[in-house]
Amino acid sequence: PETQEANIARAQAILAEAFTTEVVTLVPPGNLLQPVTAEIARRHGVRYLSYGAPTSRSGVLPVVGNECGVVFHDRDVVLGGLPWLRARLDEVRGREVRFVRELGERLAQGLWGAVEFG
């Protein structure tokens, strides 16, 4: 846990400086997350998790699951190229774009359902 604590603290500082804003979403590498990591992340300003777990607000932090949007990683774009990315985005053309932060806020407030996330 000490190494995780140091890494998360450092990552949060780097991201906040790079984006000039507070970063409140953690996307765990490999879609794997230990409960202790969620607690450490919470202590360092993370308010929402986004990964392959089901959407839930019952844990240490609310989870915005993959079913809430178009999910892909930089590796997918590298392997599939721009045609792959364009095809993924065409699948949802015309739909409203929302950030995980906004979805997490709605989830934390209990505003969960097809109307809010459809």
N, C-alpha and C. Protein backbone atom coordinates (compact mmCIF):
# COMPACT_ATOMS: atom_id res chain seq x y z
N PRO A 1 0.79 -1.22 0.00
CA PRO A 1 0.00 0.00 0.00
C PRO A 1 0.84 1.29 0.00
N GLU A 2 2.03 1.26 0.61
CA GLU A 2 2.85 2.47 0.65
C GLU A 2 3.28 2.88 -0.76
N THR A 3 3.64 1.90 -1.58
CA THR A 3 4.04 2.20 -2.95
C THR A 3 2.86 2.73 -3.75
N GLN A 4 1.68 2.11 -3.57
CA GLN A 4 0.48 2.59 -4.25
C GLN A 4 0.16 4.02 -3.83
N GLU A 5 0.28 4.29 -2.54
CA GLU A 5 0.01 5.63 -2.02
C GLU A 5 0.92 6.65 -2.70
N ALA A 6 2.20 6.36 -2.75
CA ALA A 6 3.16 7.28 -3.37
C ALA A 6 2.89 7.45 -4.86
N ASN A 7 2.59 6.35 -5.54
CA ASN A 7 2.33 6.42 -6.98
C ASN A 7 1.07 7.21 -7.30
N ILE A 8 0.02 6.99 -6.54
CA ILE A 8 -1.24 7.72 -6.79
C ILE A 8 -1.07 9.19 -6.46
N ALA A 9 -0.40 9.51 -5.37
CA ALA A 9 -0.16 10.91 -5.02
C ALA A 9 0.63 11.60 -6.13
N ARG A 10 1.66 10.94 -6.62
CA ARG A 10 2.50 11.52 -7.68
C ARG A 10 1.69 11.68 -8.97
N ALA A 11 0.93 10.65 -9.34
CA ALA A 11 0.12 10.71 -10.56
C ALA A 11 -0.90 11.83 -10.49
N GLN A 12 -1.56 11.98 -9.35
CA GLN A 12 -2.55 13.05 -9.20
C GLN A 12 -1.89 14.42 -9.37
N ALA A 13 -0.71 14.60 -8.80
CA ALA A 13 -0.01 15.88 -8.92
C ALA A 13 0.39 16.15 -10.37
N ILE A 14 0.90 15.15 -11.05
CA ILE A 14 1.30 15.30 -12.45
C ILE A 14 0.09 15.64 -13.32
N LEU A 15 -1.00 14.90 -13.14
CA LEU A 15 -2.20 15.14 -13.95
C LEU A 15 -2.81 16.50 -13.68
N ALA A 16 -2.88 16.90 -12.42
CA ALA A 16 -3.44 18.21 -12.08
C ALA A 16 -2.62 19.32 -12.71
N GLU A 17 -1.31 19.18 -12.70
CA GLU A 17 -0.45 20.19 -13.32
C GLU A 17 -0.62 20.19 -14.84
N ALA A 18 -0.65 19.02 -15.44
CA ALA A 18 -0.76 18.92 -16.90
C ALA A 18 -2.08 19.46 -17.43
N PHE A 19 -3.17 19.17 -16.72
CA PHE A 19 -4.49 19.57 -17.19
C PHE A 19 -4.99 20.86 -16.54
N THR A 20 -4.21 21.40 -15.63
CA THR A 20 -4.55 22.61 -14.86
C THR A 20 -5.95 22.54 -14.25
N THR A 21 -6.29 21.37 -13.76
CA THR A 21 -7.54 21.17 -13.05
C THR A 21 -7.42 19.92 -12.20
N GLU A 22 -8.30 19.79 -11.26
CA GLU A 22 -8.34 18.61 -10.40
C GLU A 22 -8.81 17.40 -11.22
N VAL A 23 -8.10 16.30 -11.13
CA VAL A 23 -8.48 15.07 -11.82
C VAL A 23 -9.19 14.18 -10.80
N VAL A 24 -10.46 13.85 -11.08
CA VAL A 24 -11.28 13.15 -10.09
C VAL A 24 -11.70 11.75 -10.51
N THR A 25 -11.24 11.28 -11.67
CA THR A 25 -11.60 9.96 -12.16
C THR A 25 -10.35 9.09 -12.26
N LEU A 26 -10.45 7.87 -11.77
CA LEU A 26 -9.37 6.90 -11.92
C LEU A 26 -9.83 5.79 -12.84
N VAL A 27 -9.06 5.54 -13.89
CA VAL A 27 -9.26 4.41 -14.77
C VAL A 27 -8.11 3.45 -14.50
N PRO A 28 -8.36 2.39 -13.73
CA PRO A 28 -7.26 1.51 -13.35
C PRO A 28 -6.70 0.75 -14.55
N PRO A 29 -5.38 0.64 -14.61
CA PRO A 29 -4.77 -0.10 -15.72
C PRO A 29 -5.20 -1.56 -15.73
N GLY A 30 -5.51 -2.04 -16.91
CA GLY A 30 -5.89 -3.45 -17.04
C GLY A 30 -7.25 -3.79 -16.49
N ASN A 31 -8.06 -2.77 -16.18
CA ASN A 31 -9.40 -3.00 -15.63
C ASN A 31 -9.37 -3.78 -14.32
N LEU A 32 -8.27 -3.70 -13.59
CA LEU A 32 -8.14 -4.40 -12.32
C LEU A 32 -7.95 -3.39 -11.20
N LEU A 33 -8.66 -3.62 -10.10
CA LEU A 33 -8.60 -2.68 -8.99
C LEU A 33 -8.79 -3.42 -7.67
N GLN A 34 -7.89 -3.22 -6.75
CA GLN A 34 -8.02 -3.76 -5.41
C GLN A 34 -8.75 -2.74 -4.54
N PRO A 35 -9.55 -3.18 -3.58
CA PRO A 35 -10.27 -2.24 -2.71
C PRO A 35 -9.34 -1.23 -2.03
N VAL A 36 -8.14 -1.65 -1.63
CA VAL A 36 -7.22 -0.73 -0.97
C VAL A 36 -6.81 0.40 -1.92
N THR A 37 -6.71 0.09 -3.20
CA THR A 37 -6.34 1.12 -4.18
C THR A 37 -7.44 2.16 -4.30
N ALA A 38 -8.70 1.73 -4.28
CA ALA A 38 -9.81 2.68 -4.34
C ALA A 38 -9.79 3.60 -3.12
N GLU A 39 -9.50 3.06 -1.96
CA GLU A 39 -9.44 3.88 -0.75
C GLU A 39 -8.28 4.88 -0.83
N ILE A 40 -7.14 4.44 -1.29
CA ILE A 40 -5.99 5.34 -1.43
C ILE A 40 -6.33 6.44 -2.43
N ALA A 41 -6.92 6.07 -3.55
CA ALA A 41 -7.30 7.06 -4.57
C ALA A 41 -8.28 8.08 -3.99
N ARG A 42 -9.24 7.61 -3.20
CA ARG A 42 -10.21 8.52 -2.58
C ARG A 42 -9.49 9.55 -1.71
N ARG A 43 -8.50 9.10 -0.96
CA ARG A 43 -7.75 10.02 -0.09
C ARG A 43 -6.97 11.07 -0.88
N HIS A 44 -6.73 10.79 -2.16
CA HIS A 44 -5.96 11.72 -2.99
C HIS A 44 -6.84 12.46 -4.00
N GLY A 45 -8.12 12.57 -3.70
CA GLY A 45 -8.99 13.41 -4.51
C GLY A 45 -9.80 12.73 -5.59
N VAL A 46 -9.59 11.44 -5.79
CA VAL A 46 -10.39 10.73 -6.80
C VAL A 46 -11.80 10.54 -6.24
N ARG A 47 -12.80 10.84 -7.07
CA ARG A 47 -14.19 10.71 -6.64
C ARG A 47 -14.96 9.64 -7.40
N TYR A 48 -14.41 9.21 -8.56
CA TYR A 48 -15.12 8.24 -9.40
C TYR A 48 -14.13 7.25 -9.99
N LEU A 49 -14.59 6.03 -10.17
CA LEU A 49 -13.82 5.00 -10.86
C LEU A 49 -14.51 4.69 -12.18
N SER A 50 -13.73 4.39 -13.20
CA SER A 50 -14.30 4.01 -14.49
C SER A 50 -13.50 2.84 -15.04
N TYR A 51 -14.17 1.68 -15.08
CA TYR A 51 -13.50 0.48 -15.61
C TYR A 51 -14.53 -0.61 -15.85
N GLY A 52 -14.07 -1.83 -16.09
CA GLY A 52 -14.94 -2.92 -16.51
C GLY A 52 -15.87 -3.49 -15.47
N ALA A 53 -15.86 -2.97 -14.26
CA ALA A 53 -16.79 -3.44 -13.23
C ALA A 53 -18.19 -2.91 -13.53
N PRO A 54 -19.22 -3.57 -13.02
CA PRO A 54 -20.58 -3.05 -13.21
C PRO A 54 -20.75 -1.69 -12.53
N THR A 55 -21.57 -0.86 -13.12
CA THR A 55 -21.85 0.45 -12.54
C THR A 55 -22.48 0.26 -11.16
N SER A 56 -21.97 1.03 -10.21
CA SER A 56 -22.42 0.87 -8.83
C SER A 56 -22.04 2.09 -8.01
N ARG A 57 -22.80 2.34 -6.97
CA ARG A 57 -22.40 3.37 -6.01
C ARG A 57 -22.30 2.78 -4.60
N SER A 58 -22.10 1.47 -4.54
CA SER A 58 -22.10 0.80 -3.24
C SER A 58 -20.72 0.63 -2.62
N GLY A 59 -19.65 0.97 -3.34
CA GLY A 59 -18.30 0.77 -2.80
C GLY A 59 -17.72 2.04 -2.22
N VAL A 60 -16.41 2.03 -2.05
CA VAL A 60 -15.68 3.19 -1.53
C VAL A 60 -15.90 4.40 -2.43
N LEU A 61 -15.90 4.17 -3.74
CA LEU A 61 -16.14 5.22 -4.74
C LEU A 61 -17.15 4.72 -5.75
N PRO A 62 -17.98 5.61 -6.29
CA PRO A 62 -18.90 5.19 -7.35
C PRO A 62 -18.13 4.68 -8.56
N VAL A 63 -18.67 3.64 -9.20
CA VAL A 63 -18.06 3.07 -10.40
C VAL A 63 -18.95 3.37 -11.60
N VAL A 64 -18.40 4.04 -12.60
CA VAL A 64 -19.07 4.24 -13.87
C VAL A 64 -18.56 3.13 -14.78
N GLY A 65 -19.39 2.11 -14.98
CA GLY A 65 -18.98 0.93 -15.73
C GLY A 65 -18.94 1.15 -17.23
N ASN A 66 -18.38 0.19 -17.92
CA ASN A 66 -18.22 0.28 -19.37
C ASN A 66 -19.54 0.39 -20.13
N GLU A 67 -20.64 -0.06 -19.52
CA GLU A 67 -21.92 0.00 -20.23
C GLU A 67 -22.42 1.43 -20.40
N CYS A 68 -21.75 2.38 -19.80
CA CYS A 68 -22.19 3.78 -19.84
C CYS A 68 -21.67 4.56 -21.04
N GLY A 69 -20.91 3.92 -21.90
CA GLY A 69 -20.40 4.70 -23.02
C GLY A 69 -19.58 3.88 -23.99
N VAL A 70 -18.91 4.60 -24.87
CA VAL A 70 -18.01 3.99 -25.83
C VAL A 70 -16.66 3.86 -25.16
N VAL A 71 -16.21 2.65 -24.97
CA VAL A 71 -14.99 2.40 -24.22
C VAL A 71 -13.90 1.89 -25.16
N PHE A 72 -12.76 2.56 -25.12
CA PHE A 72 -11.60 2.08 -25.85
C PHE A 72 -10.35 2.65 -25.20
N HIS A 73 -9.24 2.06 -25.53
CA HIS A 73 -7.96 2.48 -24.97
C HIS A 73 -7.03 2.91 -26.09
N ASP A 74 -5.99 3.62 -25.73
CA ASP A 74 -5.04 4.09 -26.74
C ASP A 74 -4.48 2.92 -27.56
N ARG A 75 -4.29 1.78 -26.91
CA ARG A 75 -3.78 0.60 -27.63
C ARG A 75 -4.74 0.18 -28.74
N ASP A 76 -6.05 0.29 -28.50
CA ASP A 76 -7.03 -0.06 -29.52
C ASP A 76 -6.87 0.83 -30.76
N VAL A 77 -6.62 2.10 -30.53
CA VAL A 77 -6.44 3.04 -31.65
C VAL A 77 -5.14 2.71 -32.39
N VAL A 78 -4.09 2.41 -31.66
CA VAL A 78 -2.81 2.05 -32.29
C VAL A 78 -2.98 0.81 -33.17
N LEU A 79 -3.66 -0.21 -32.65
CA LEU A 79 -3.82 -1.46 -33.40
C LEU A 79 -4.80 -1.32 -34.55
N GLY A 80 -5.90 -0.60 -34.33
CA GLY A 80 -6.94 -0.50 -35.35
C GLY A 80 -6.81 0.69 -36.27
N GLY A 81 -6.05 1.69 -35.85
CA GLY A 81 -5.87 2.88 -36.66
C GLY A 81 -7.08 3.79 -36.65
N LEU A 82 -6.97 4.87 -37.40
CA LEU A 82 -8.06 5.83 -37.46
C LEU A 82 -9.34 5.26 -38.05
N PRO A 83 -9.28 4.36 -39.04
CA PRO A 83 -10.54 3.78 -39.53
C PRO A 83 -11.31 3.06 -38.41
N TRP A 84 -10.60 2.35 -37.55
CA TRP A 84 -11.25 1.66 -36.43
C TRP A 84 -11.91 2.67 -35.51
N LEU A 85 -11.19 3.74 -35.17
CA LEU A 85 -11.73 4.75 -34.27
C LEU A 85 -12.95 5.43 -34.89
N ARG A 86 -12.87 5.77 -36.17
CA ARG A 86 -14.01 6.40 -36.85
C ARG A 86 -15.24 5.48 -36.82
N ALA A 87 -15.03 4.19 -37.05
CA ALA A 87 -16.14 3.24 -37.02
C ALA A 87 -16.77 3.18 -35.63
N ARG A 88 -15.95 3.17 -34.59
CA ARG A 88 -16.47 3.15 -33.21
C ARG A 88 -17.31 4.40 -32.95
N LEU A 89 -16.81 5.54 -33.36
CA LEU A 89 -17.52 6.79 -33.12
C LEU A 89 -18.78 6.89 -33.97
N ASP A 90 -18.76 6.34 -35.19
CA ASP A 90 -19.95 6.33 -36.04
C ASP A 90 -21.09 5.55 -35.39
N GLU A 91 -20.75 4.54 -34.59
CA GLU A 91 -21.78 3.74 -33.91
C GLU A 91 -22.64 4.59 -32.98
N VAL A 92 -22.11 5.69 -32.50
CA VAL A 92 -22.84 6.52 -31.54
C VAL A 92 -23.05 7.95 -32.06
N ARG A 93 -22.92 8.12 -33.35
CA ARG A 93 -23.10 9.45 -33.95
C ARG A 93 -24.47 10.02 -33.55
N GLY A 94 -24.46 11.28 -33.17
CA GLY A 94 -25.69 11.95 -32.80
C GLY A 94 -26.05 11.85 -31.33
N ARG A 95 -25.38 10.97 -30.60
CA ARG A 95 -25.67 10.85 -29.17
C ARG A 95 -24.94 11.93 -28.40
N GLU A 96 -25.47 12.26 -27.27
CA GLU A 96 -24.87 13.27 -26.41
C GLU A 96 -23.54 12.78 -25.85
N VAL A 97 -22.57 13.69 -25.80
CA VAL A 97 -21.26 13.37 -25.22
C VAL A 97 -21.25 13.84 -23.77
N ARG A 98 -20.88 12.93 -22.89
CA ARG A 98 -20.76 13.26 -21.46
C ARG A 98 -19.44 12.73 -20.94
N PHE A 99 -18.88 13.46 -20.02
CA PHE A 99 -17.64 13.03 -19.39
C PHE A 99 -17.94 12.07 -18.25
N VAL A 100 -16.98 11.19 -17.95
CA VAL A 100 -17.14 10.26 -16.84
C VAL A 100 -17.40 11.03 -15.55
N ARG A 101 -16.77 12.18 -15.40
CA ARG A 101 -16.98 13.01 -14.21
C ARG A 101 -18.47 13.34 -14.04
N GLU A 102 -19.11 13.75 -15.13
CA GLU A 102 -20.54 14.08 -15.06
C GLU A 102 -21.38 12.85 -14.74
N LEU A 103 -21.07 11.73 -15.37
CA LEU A 103 -21.80 10.50 -15.09
C LEU A 103 -21.60 10.09 -13.63
N GLY A 104 -20.39 10.24 -13.13
CA GLY A 104 -20.10 9.92 -11.73
C GLY A 104 -20.87 10.80 -10.77
N GLU A 105 -20.96 12.09 -11.09
CA GLU A 105 -21.73 13.01 -10.25
C GLU A 105 -23.19 12.60 -10.20
N ARG A 106 -23.76 12.27 -11.35
CA ARG A 106 -25.16 11.84 -11.41
C ARG A 106 -25.36 10.54 -10.64
N LEU A 107 -24.44 9.63 -10.79
CA LEU A 107 -24.52 8.35 -10.07
C LEU A 107 -24.45 8.58 -8.57
N ALA A 108 -23.51 9.41 -8.13
CA ALA A 108 -23.35 9.69 -6.70
C ALA A 108 -24.61 10.34 -6.12
N GLN A 109 -25.33 11.11 -6.94
CA GLN A 109 -26.55 11.77 -6.49
C GLN A 109 -27.77 10.87 -6.58
N GLY A 110 -27.59 9.66 -7.08
CA GLY A 110 -28.71 8.73 -7.21
C GLY A 110 -29.52 8.92 -8.48
N LEU A 111 -29.01 9.70 -9.42
CA LEU A 111 -29.70 9.93 -10.69
C LEU A 111 -29.28 8.88 -11.70
N TRP A 112 -29.67 7.67 -11.48
CA TRP A 112 -29.21 6.57 -12.31
C TRP A 112 -30.38 5.96 -13.05
N GLY A 113 -30.26 5.84 -14.35
CA GLY A 113 -31.31 5.20 -15.13
C GLY A 113 -31.14 5.47 -16.61
N ALA A 114 -32.00 4.87 -17.39
CA ALA A 114 -31.89 4.96 -18.84
C ALA A 114 -32.01 6.40 -19.33
N VAL A 115 -32.84 7.21 -18.67
CA VAL A 115 -33.02 8.59 -19.11
C VAL A 115 -31.71 9.36 -18.97
N GLU A 116 -31.04 9.18 -17.85
CA GLU A 116 -29.80 9.91 -17.61
C GLU A 116 -28.62 9.39 -18.42
N PHE A 117 -28.62 8.09 -18.72
CA PHE A 117 -27.44 7.49 -19.34
C PHE A 117 -27.70 6.92 -20.72
N GLY A 118 -28.92 6.99 -21.20
CA GLY A 118 -29.21 6.39 -22.50
C GLY A 118 -28.79 7.23 -23.66
